[in-house]
Amino acid sequence: MPSAHHRIPLSVLDLAPRSQGMSPQEALRASRQLAQDADRWGYHRYWMAEHHGTPTFLSSATSLLLGHLAEHTDRIRLGSGGVMLPNHSPLMVAEYYGTLATLYGDRFDLGLGRAPGTDPVTAAALSRGSGSLDTFAQDVADLAAYLGDPRPGTRVRALPGEGTHVPLWMLGSSTGGAQVAGALGLPFAFASHFAPQQIREAIATYRDRFRADAPTAQVERPTLMAGINVLAAPSTLEARHLFTTQQLMGVRIRTGQPALLDPPVDDLAAVLPEQLLALTRGHEAVQAVGTPEEVVAHLERFVASYEVDELIVTTYTHDPAMRRRSYEMLAEAWTLPQAV
């Protein structure tokens, strides 16, 4: 197992979740508070994911939220996990994130996804492209060019944006994203927290296809971040109780009935019919739920098993204070470098 001094960085993935009994304003304030705390506790990045048309998550205008967080944090890297590129023109993305980098300096990451981040009807309302692998790769190449150094004779320019070199990451939940990440020489963030089935195959594909000599390459070797669901609490029993909120959220999403986050329950079997209970069991490898020591042991096994360079942690609780407590306990147990 890695010693405390050799542990990899931890980052935060936030979708600005909204709980029952909470106003949208309160939900966004809770995310701001978590970002400020994560900054102090030593987390490496704070990423927000673009989602549309669901009452559960309020992170649709990701770049606006990141600008807000930049005003209220000092050190932590901020980023999109990710921008769903089929919904946007590469030029506009370059302008938005180039503006953020111009205002706040080199604190931003641009994670790029190929999915629409919503249901098919909302996707059609947002859509400007298909998200097919070939057009997506071209969009990424265009985006990299817009953020790169000025090129003589270029008619279309991202201003601001040009020359900011905002780092690009590829997001993926399948081997398709892994192929693109490898071919373009980009760091790869795998959504193992909700798509663990293909993690080994996707990682192998990424490492096998990685091209450090690609024109778009941003890293010299395959660089991998993986998502994992975490809930830490003083006791295993309390952690499992609080985790029922996330389990119910998962059932609602998978059955097409998204809603505000439910309060935790004592017994899932009392609130769900038998056929839906199976949906709550999830994939044990990507669920670290328990005391801080149990969570750390689980994360260390995960890191050793998949040889990842960084973990991005996502936590859902009905009470935002319990979410912050979980992240604080994890930071302490993982011995993150505390901000002074």
Protein backbone atom coordinates (compact mmCIF):
# COMPACT_ATOMS: atom_id res chain seq x y z
CA MET A 1 0.00 0.00 0.00
CA PRO A 2 1.26 3.53 -0.67
CA SER A 3 2.44 5.41 2.38
CA ALA A 4 0.78 8.66 3.35
CA HIS A 5 3.67 10.50 1.71
CA HIS A 6 3.20 8.76 -1.62
CA ARG A 7 -0.55 8.94 -1.92
CA ILE A 8 -1.89 10.35 -5.15
CA PRO A 9 -3.83 13.66 -5.26
CA LEU A 10 -7.54 13.71 -4.48
CA SER A 11 -10.00 15.95 -6.29
CA VAL A 12 -13.70 16.76 -5.96
CA LEU A 13 -16.46 16.23 -8.52
CA ASP A 14 -19.57 18.32 -7.86
CA LEU A 15 -22.84 18.55 -9.80
CA ALA A 16 -24.41 21.16 -7.50
CA PRO A 17 -27.03 18.70 -6.18
CA ARG A 18 -30.26 20.02 -4.71
CA SER A 19 -31.95 18.26 -1.79
CA GLN A 20 -35.61 18.12 -0.81
CA GLY A 21 -36.53 21.23 1.17
CA MET A 22 -33.70 23.27 -0.36
CA SER A 23 -34.00 26.28 -2.67
CA PRO A 24 -31.82 26.51 -5.80
CA GLN A 25 -29.96 29.40 -4.15
CA GLU A 26 -29.20 27.27 -1.09
CA ALA A 27 -27.95 24.42 -3.28
CA LEU A 28 -25.50 26.67 -5.11
CA ARG A 29 -24.36 28.22 -1.82
CA ALA A 30 -23.65 24.70 -0.53
CA SER A 31 -21.43 24.04 -3.53
CA ARG A 32 -19.57 27.30 -2.99
CA GLN A 33 -19.01 26.40 0.66
CA LEU A 34 -17.71 22.96 -0.30
CA ALA A 35 -15.30 24.48 -2.84
CA GLN A 36 -13.96 26.90 -0.23
CA ASP A 37 -13.49 24.06 2.27
CA ALA A 38 -11.90 21.75 -0.34
CA ASP A 39 -9.47 24.57 -1.14
CA ARG A 40 -8.40 24.75 2.52
CA TRP A 41 -8.33 20.97 3.05
CA GLY A 42 -5.81 20.36 0.28
CA TYR A 43 -7.86 18.85 -2.54
CA HIS A 44 -6.14 19.26 -5.90
CA ARG A 45 -9.06 20.12 -8.21
CA TYR A 46 -12.72 21.02 -7.94
CA TRP A 47 -14.57 20.00 -11.09
CA MET A 48 -18.21 20.61 -11.96
CA ALA A 49 -20.07 18.53 -14.52
CA GLU A 50 -22.47 19.90 -17.11
CA HIS A 51 -25.99 18.47 -16.72
CA HIS A 52 -29.20 19.78 -18.23
CA GLY A 53 -32.90 19.44 -17.59
CA THR A 54 -32.83 17.56 -14.28
CA PRO A 55 -34.06 18.93 -10.95
CA THR A 56 -31.35 16.94 -9.14
CA PHE A 57 -28.38 18.94 -10.45
CA LEU A 58 -27.92 22.68 -10.97
CA SER A 59 -24.62 22.62 -12.87
CA SER A 60 -25.96 23.35 -16.37
CA ALA A 61 -24.06 26.66 -16.84
CA THR A 62 -20.74 25.17 -15.73
CA SER A 63 -18.42 28.01 -16.75
CA LEU A 64 -20.54 30.57 -14.86
CA LEU A 65 -20.35 28.49 -11.68
CA LEU A 66 -16.58 28.06 -12.06
CA GLY A 67 -16.16 31.83 -12.37
CA HIS A 68 -18.19 32.24 -9.19
CA LEU A 69 -16.03 29.68 -7.38
CA ALA A 70 -12.84 31.35 -8.62
CA GLU A 71 -13.94 34.52 -6.82
CA HIS A 72 -14.30 32.59 -3.54
CA THR A 73 -11.26 30.27 -3.60
CA ASP A 74 -7.50 30.86 -3.68
CA ARG A 75 -5.50 27.80 -4.69
CA ILE A 76 -7.56 24.85 -5.87
CA ARG A 77 -7.73 24.13 -9.61
CA LEU A 78 -11.22 24.55 -11.03
CA GLY A 79 -12.57 22.77 -14.05
CA SER A 80 -15.32 21.25 -16.08
CA GLY A 81 -15.85 17.56 -15.55
CA GLY A 82 -16.93 18.09 -18.18
CA VAL A 83 -18.12 20.41 -20.89
CA MET A 84 -20.32 18.31 -23.18
CA LEU A 85 -18.83 19.32 -26.50
CA PRO A 86 -21.76 18.23 -28.73
CA ASN A 87 -23.75 21.04 -27.04
CA HIS A 88 -21.26 23.82 -27.81
CA SER A 89 -19.13 25.25 -30.58
CA PRO A 90 -15.41 24.84 -29.83
CA LEU A 91 -14.93 28.58 -30.43
CA MET A 92 -17.45 29.51 -27.74
CA VAL A 93 -15.92 27.06 -25.25
CA ALA A 94 -12.48 28.56 -25.96
CA GLU A 95 -13.85 32.06 -25.38
CA TYR A 96 -15.55 31.13 -22.10
CA TYR A 97 -12.60 29.27 -20.59
CA GLY A 98 -10.11 31.68 -22.13
CA THR A 99 -11.96 34.49 -20.36
CA LEU A 100 -11.78 32.60 -17.05
CA ALA A 101 -8.04 32.02 -17.52
CA THR A 102 -7.53 35.68 -18.41
CA LEU A 103 -9.38 36.82 -15.29
CA TYR A 104 -8.00 34.30 -12.78
CA GLY A 105 -4.81 32.84 -14.28
CA ASP A 106 -3.75 29.23 -14.70
CA ARG A 107 -6.30 27.63 -12.39
CA PHE A 108 -8.65 26.01 -14.90
CA ASP A 109 -8.95 22.60 -16.54
CA LEU A 110 -11.19 21.93 -19.49
CA GLY A 111 -12.59 18.40 -19.24
CA LEU A 112 -14.41 17.43 -22.43
CA GLY A 113 -17.24 14.93 -22.77
CA ARG A 114 -18.90 13.36 -25.80
CA ALA A 115 -22.35 12.77 -24.27
CA PRO A 116 -25.07 15.45 -24.18
CA GLY A 117 -25.43 15.23 -20.39
CA THR A 118 -29.22 15.05 -20.49
CA ASP A 119 -32.26 13.24 -21.88
CA PRO A 120 -32.78 12.91 -25.67
CA VAL A 121 -35.44 15.64 -25.90
CA THR A 122 -33.36 18.19 -24.01
CA ALA A 123 -30.32 17.07 -26.00
CA ALA A 124 -32.14 17.92 -29.22
CA ALA A 125 -32.93 21.40 -27.88
CA LEU A 126 -29.25 21.94 -27.02
CA SER A 127 -27.70 20.12 -29.90
CA ARG A 128 -25.42 21.47 -32.55
CA GLY A 129 -23.67 18.18 -33.42
CA SER A 130 -23.87 14.42 -33.23
CA GLY A 131 -21.01 13.68 -30.85
CA SER A 132 -19.77 10.96 -33.19
CA LEU A 133 -16.13 10.06 -32.65
CA ASP A 134 -14.80 11.65 -35.85
CA THR A 135 -16.53 15.04 -35.48
CA PHE A 136 -15.76 15.04 -31.76
CA ALA A 137 -12.03 14.53 -32.33
CA GLN A 138 -12.06 17.41 -34.82
CA ASP A 139 -13.89 19.63 -32.33
CA VAL A 140 -11.24 18.86 -29.70
CA ALA A 141 -8.45 19.65 -32.17
CA ASP A 142 -10.16 22.95 -33.05
CA LEU A 143 -10.53 23.83 -29.38
CA ALA A 144 -6.85 23.10 -28.71
CA ALA A 145 -5.89 25.35 -31.62
CA TYR A 146 -8.09 28.22 -30.41
CA LEU A 147 -6.43 28.08 -26.94
CA GLY A 148 -2.93 27.70 -28.37
CA ASP A 149 -0.45 30.27 -29.59
CA PRO A 150 -1.60 32.77 -32.24
CA ARG A 151 -1.16 31.51 -35.81
CA PRO A 152 -0.42 33.92 -38.66
CA GLY A 153 -3.26 34.33 -41.12
CA THR A 154 -5.90 32.73 -38.87
CA ARG A 155 -9.29 34.33 -39.53
CA VAL A 156 -11.19 32.80 -36.62
CA ARG A 157 -9.67 33.54 -33.22
CA ALA A 158 -10.76 33.07 -29.61
CA LEU A 159 -10.27 36.46 -27.95
CA PRO A 160 -9.75 36.15 -25.05
CA GLY A 161 -8.58 32.54 -25.15
CA GLU A 162 -5.75 32.58 -27.63
CA GLY A 163 -2.44 31.79 -25.92
CA THR A 164 -4.02 30.81 -22.56
CA HIS A 165 -3.26 27.10 -23.13
CA VAL A 166 -6.05 25.99 -20.77
CA PRO A 167 -5.22 22.29 -20.16
CA LEU A 168 -7.56 19.83 -21.88
CA TRP A 169 -8.73 16.54 -20.39
CA MET A 170 -10.79 13.87 -22.09
CA LEU A 171 -13.69 12.41 -20.13
CA GLY A 172 -15.13 9.01 -20.88
CA SER A 173 -17.31 6.21 -19.59
CA SER A 174 -16.45 3.72 -22.35
CA THR A 175 -13.67 2.62 -24.66
CA GLY A 176 -14.77 5.27 -27.22
CA GLY A 177 -13.59 8.15 -25.03
CA ALA A 178 -10.44 6.17 -24.20
CA GLN A 179 -9.60 5.83 -27.91
CA VAL A 180 -9.97 9.56 -28.50
CA ALA A 181 -8.00 10.47 -25.37
CA GLY A 182 -5.15 8.20 -26.43
CA ALA A 183 -5.11 9.26 -30.09
CA LEU A 184 -5.05 12.96 -29.13
CA GLY A 185 -2.42 12.53 -26.40
CA LEU A 186 -4.69 13.96 -23.69
CA PRO A 187 -4.98 13.06 -20.01
CA PHE A 188 -8.03 10.83 -19.45
CA ALA A 189 -10.63 11.04 -16.69
CA PHE A 190 -12.67 7.84 -16.55
CA ALA A 191 -16.19 7.99 -15.09
CA SER A 192 -15.76 4.80 -13.09
CA HIS A 193 -18.02 6.22 -10.36
CA PHE A 194 -21.05 5.54 -12.58
CA ALA A 195 -19.68 3.27 -15.35
CA PRO A 196 -17.32 0.79 -13.68
CA GLN A 197 -18.04 -2.12 -16.02
CA GLN A 198 -15.54 -1.10 -18.70
CA ILE A 199 -12.83 0.40 -16.52
CA ARG A 200 -10.12 -2.19 -17.21
CA GLU A 201 -10.83 -2.30 -20.93
CA ALA A 202 -10.99 1.50 -21.21
CA ILE A 203 -7.73 2.02 -19.30
CA ALA A 204 -5.97 -0.62 -21.42
CA THR A 205 -7.31 0.99 -24.62
CA TYR A 206 -6.16 4.43 -23.51
CA ARG A 207 -2.66 3.29 -22.61
CA ASP A 208 -2.36 1.22 -25.78
CA ARG A 209 -3.54 4.03 -28.11
CA PHE A 210 -1.71 6.88 -26.37
CA ARG A 211 0.26 9.10 -28.74
CA ALA A 212 2.65 11.56 -27.11
CA ASP A 213 3.47 12.86 -30.60
CA ALA A 214 -0.12 13.86 -31.49
CA PRO A 215 -0.42 17.56 -32.47
CA THR A 216 -2.94 17.99 -29.64
CA ALA A 217 -0.83 16.12 -27.03
CA GLN A 218 -0.78 17.76 -23.59
CA VAL A 219 1.04 15.11 -21.54
CA GLU A 220 4.13 13.00 -22.29
CA ARG A 221 2.72 9.73 -20.97
CA PRO A 222 -0.74 8.28 -20.32
CA THR A 223 -2.21 10.20 -17.37
CA LEU A 224 -5.30 8.80 -15.71
CA MET A 225 -7.84 10.12 -13.24
CA ALA A 226 -10.73 7.91 -12.07
CA GLY A 227 -14.00 8.75 -10.36
CA ILE A 228 -15.13 7.01 -7.18
CA ASN A 229 -18.13 7.40 -4.88
CA VAL A 230 -17.21 8.11 -1.27
CA LEU A 231 -19.05 8.63 1.97
CA ALA A 232 -17.07 8.85 5.19
CA ALA A 233 -18.65 9.16 8.64
CA PRO A 234 -17.59 8.48 12.25
CA SER A 235 -19.13 4.98 12.10
CA THR A 236 -19.71 2.46 9.32
CA LEU A 237 -23.38 2.31 10.29
CA GLU A 238 -23.86 6.07 9.94
CA ALA A 239 -21.99 6.16 6.63
CA ARG A 240 -24.21 3.43 5.18
CA HIS A 241 -27.31 5.21 6.46
CA LEU A 242 -26.29 8.51 4.85
CA PHE A 243 -25.36 6.68 1.62
CA THR A 244 -28.98 5.61 1.11
CA THR A 245 -29.58 9.14 -0.28
CA GLN A 246 -27.19 8.41 -3.15
CA GLN A 247 -28.62 4.93 -3.66
CA LEU A 248 -32.13 6.38 -4.00
CA MET A 249 -30.78 9.03 -6.38
CA GLY A 250 -29.30 6.28 -8.55
CA VAL A 251 -32.62 4.43 -8.70
CA ARG A 252 -34.48 7.61 -9.65
CA ILE A 253 -32.03 8.40 -12.44
CA ARG A 254 -31.98 4.86 -13.84
CA THR A 255 -35.77 4.64 -13.86
CA GLY A 256 -36.19 8.03 -15.53
CA GLN A 257 -37.68 9.73 -12.48
CA PRO A 258 -35.03 12.22 -11.32
CA ALA A 259 -35.96 14.33 -8.31
CA LEU A 260 -34.44 16.35 -5.49
CA LEU A 261 -32.18 14.32 -3.20
CA ASP A 262 -34.13 12.22 -0.70
CA PRO A 263 -33.37 12.19 3.02
CA PRO A 264 -31.57 9.00 4.12
CA VAL A 265 -33.72 6.02 5.14
CA ASP A 266 -33.23 3.27 7.71
CA ASP A 267 -34.23 0.46 5.37
CA LEU A 268 -34.18 0.68 1.57
CA ALA A 269 -36.37 -2.43 1.36
CA ALA A 270 -39.13 -0.51 3.15
CA VAL A 271 -39.26 2.22 0.48
CA LEU A 272 -38.41 0.33 -2.72
CA PRO A 273 -40.04 -2.66 -4.40
CA GLU A 274 -37.87 -5.78 -4.76
CA GLN A 275 -37.09 -5.26 -8.46
CA LEU A 276 -35.63 -1.80 -7.77
CA LEU A 277 -33.55 -2.89 -4.78
CA ALA A 278 -31.04 -4.50 -7.14
CA LEU A 279 -30.34 -1.05 -8.61
CA THR A 280 -29.14 0.21 -5.23
CA ARG A 281 -26.36 -2.33 -4.87
CA GLY A 282 -24.04 -0.64 -7.31
CA HIS A 283 -20.51 -1.75 -8.03
CA GLU A 284 -18.53 -2.36 -4.84
CA ALA A 285 -15.19 -1.40 -6.42
CA VAL A 286 -16.27 2.22 -6.92
CA GLN A 287 -18.11 2.71 -3.62
CA ALA A 288 -16.01 3.56 -0.59
CA VAL A 289 -18.46 3.90 2.29
CA GLY A 290 -17.53 3.70 5.96
CA THR A 291 -15.20 5.19 8.54
CA PRO A 292 -12.32 7.32 7.23
CA GLU A 293 -9.94 4.38 7.78
CA GLU A 294 -12.21 2.02 5.83
CA VAL A 295 -12.59 4.54 3.02
CA VAL A 296 -8.83 5.10 2.76
CA ALA A 297 -8.16 1.35 2.68
CA HIS A 298 -10.74 0.98 -0.11
CA LEU A 299 -9.22 3.85 -2.11
CA GLU A 300 -5.72 2.44 -1.72
CA ARG A 301 -6.89 -0.93 -3.08
CA PHE A 302 -8.54 0.83 -6.02
CA VAL A 303 -5.40 2.84 -6.81
CA ALA A 304 -3.21 -0.27 -6.63
CA SER A 305 -5.63 -2.27 -8.79
CA TYR A 306 -5.96 0.27 -11.62
CA GLU A 307 -2.69 2.25 -11.28
CA VAL A 308 -4.41 5.62 -11.55
CA ASP A 309 -2.58 8.93 -11.12
CA GLU A 310 -5.39 10.80 -9.37
CA LEU A 311 -8.80 10.10 -7.83
CA ILE A 312 -11.80 12.37 -8.24
CA VAL A 313 -14.30 11.83 -5.47
CA THR A 314 -18.04 12.39 -5.59
CA THR A 315 -20.24 12.45 -2.50
CA TYR A 316 -24.00 12.96 -2.14
CA THR A 317 -25.82 13.56 1.13
CA HIS A 318 -29.21 15.10 1.83
CA ASP A 319 -27.63 17.48 4.35
CA PRO A 320 -24.75 19.48 2.79
CA ALA A 321 -23.03 19.60 6.19
CA MET A 322 -22.65 15.81 6.08
CA ARG A 323 -21.10 16.07 2.61
CA ARG A 324 -18.56 18.60 3.85
CA ARG A 325 -17.82 16.46 6.91
CA SER A 326 -17.18 13.44 4.67
CA TYR A 327 -14.70 15.39 2.52
CA GLU A 328 -13.00 16.82 5.60
CA MET A 329 -12.60 13.40 7.22
CA LEU A 330 -11.22 11.97 3.98
CA ALA A 331 -8.73 14.84 3.56
CA GLU A 332 -7.46 14.26 7.09
CA ALA A 333 -7.26 10.48 6.75
CA TRP A 334 -5.54 10.72 3.34
CA THR A 335 -3.18 13.36 4.83
CA LEU A 336 -3.72 15.90 2.07
CA PRO A 337 -1.40 18.93 2.25
CA GLN A 338 -3.49 21.45 4.17
CA ALA A 339 -3.55 25.01 2.90
CA VAL A 340 -1.94 27.40 5.35
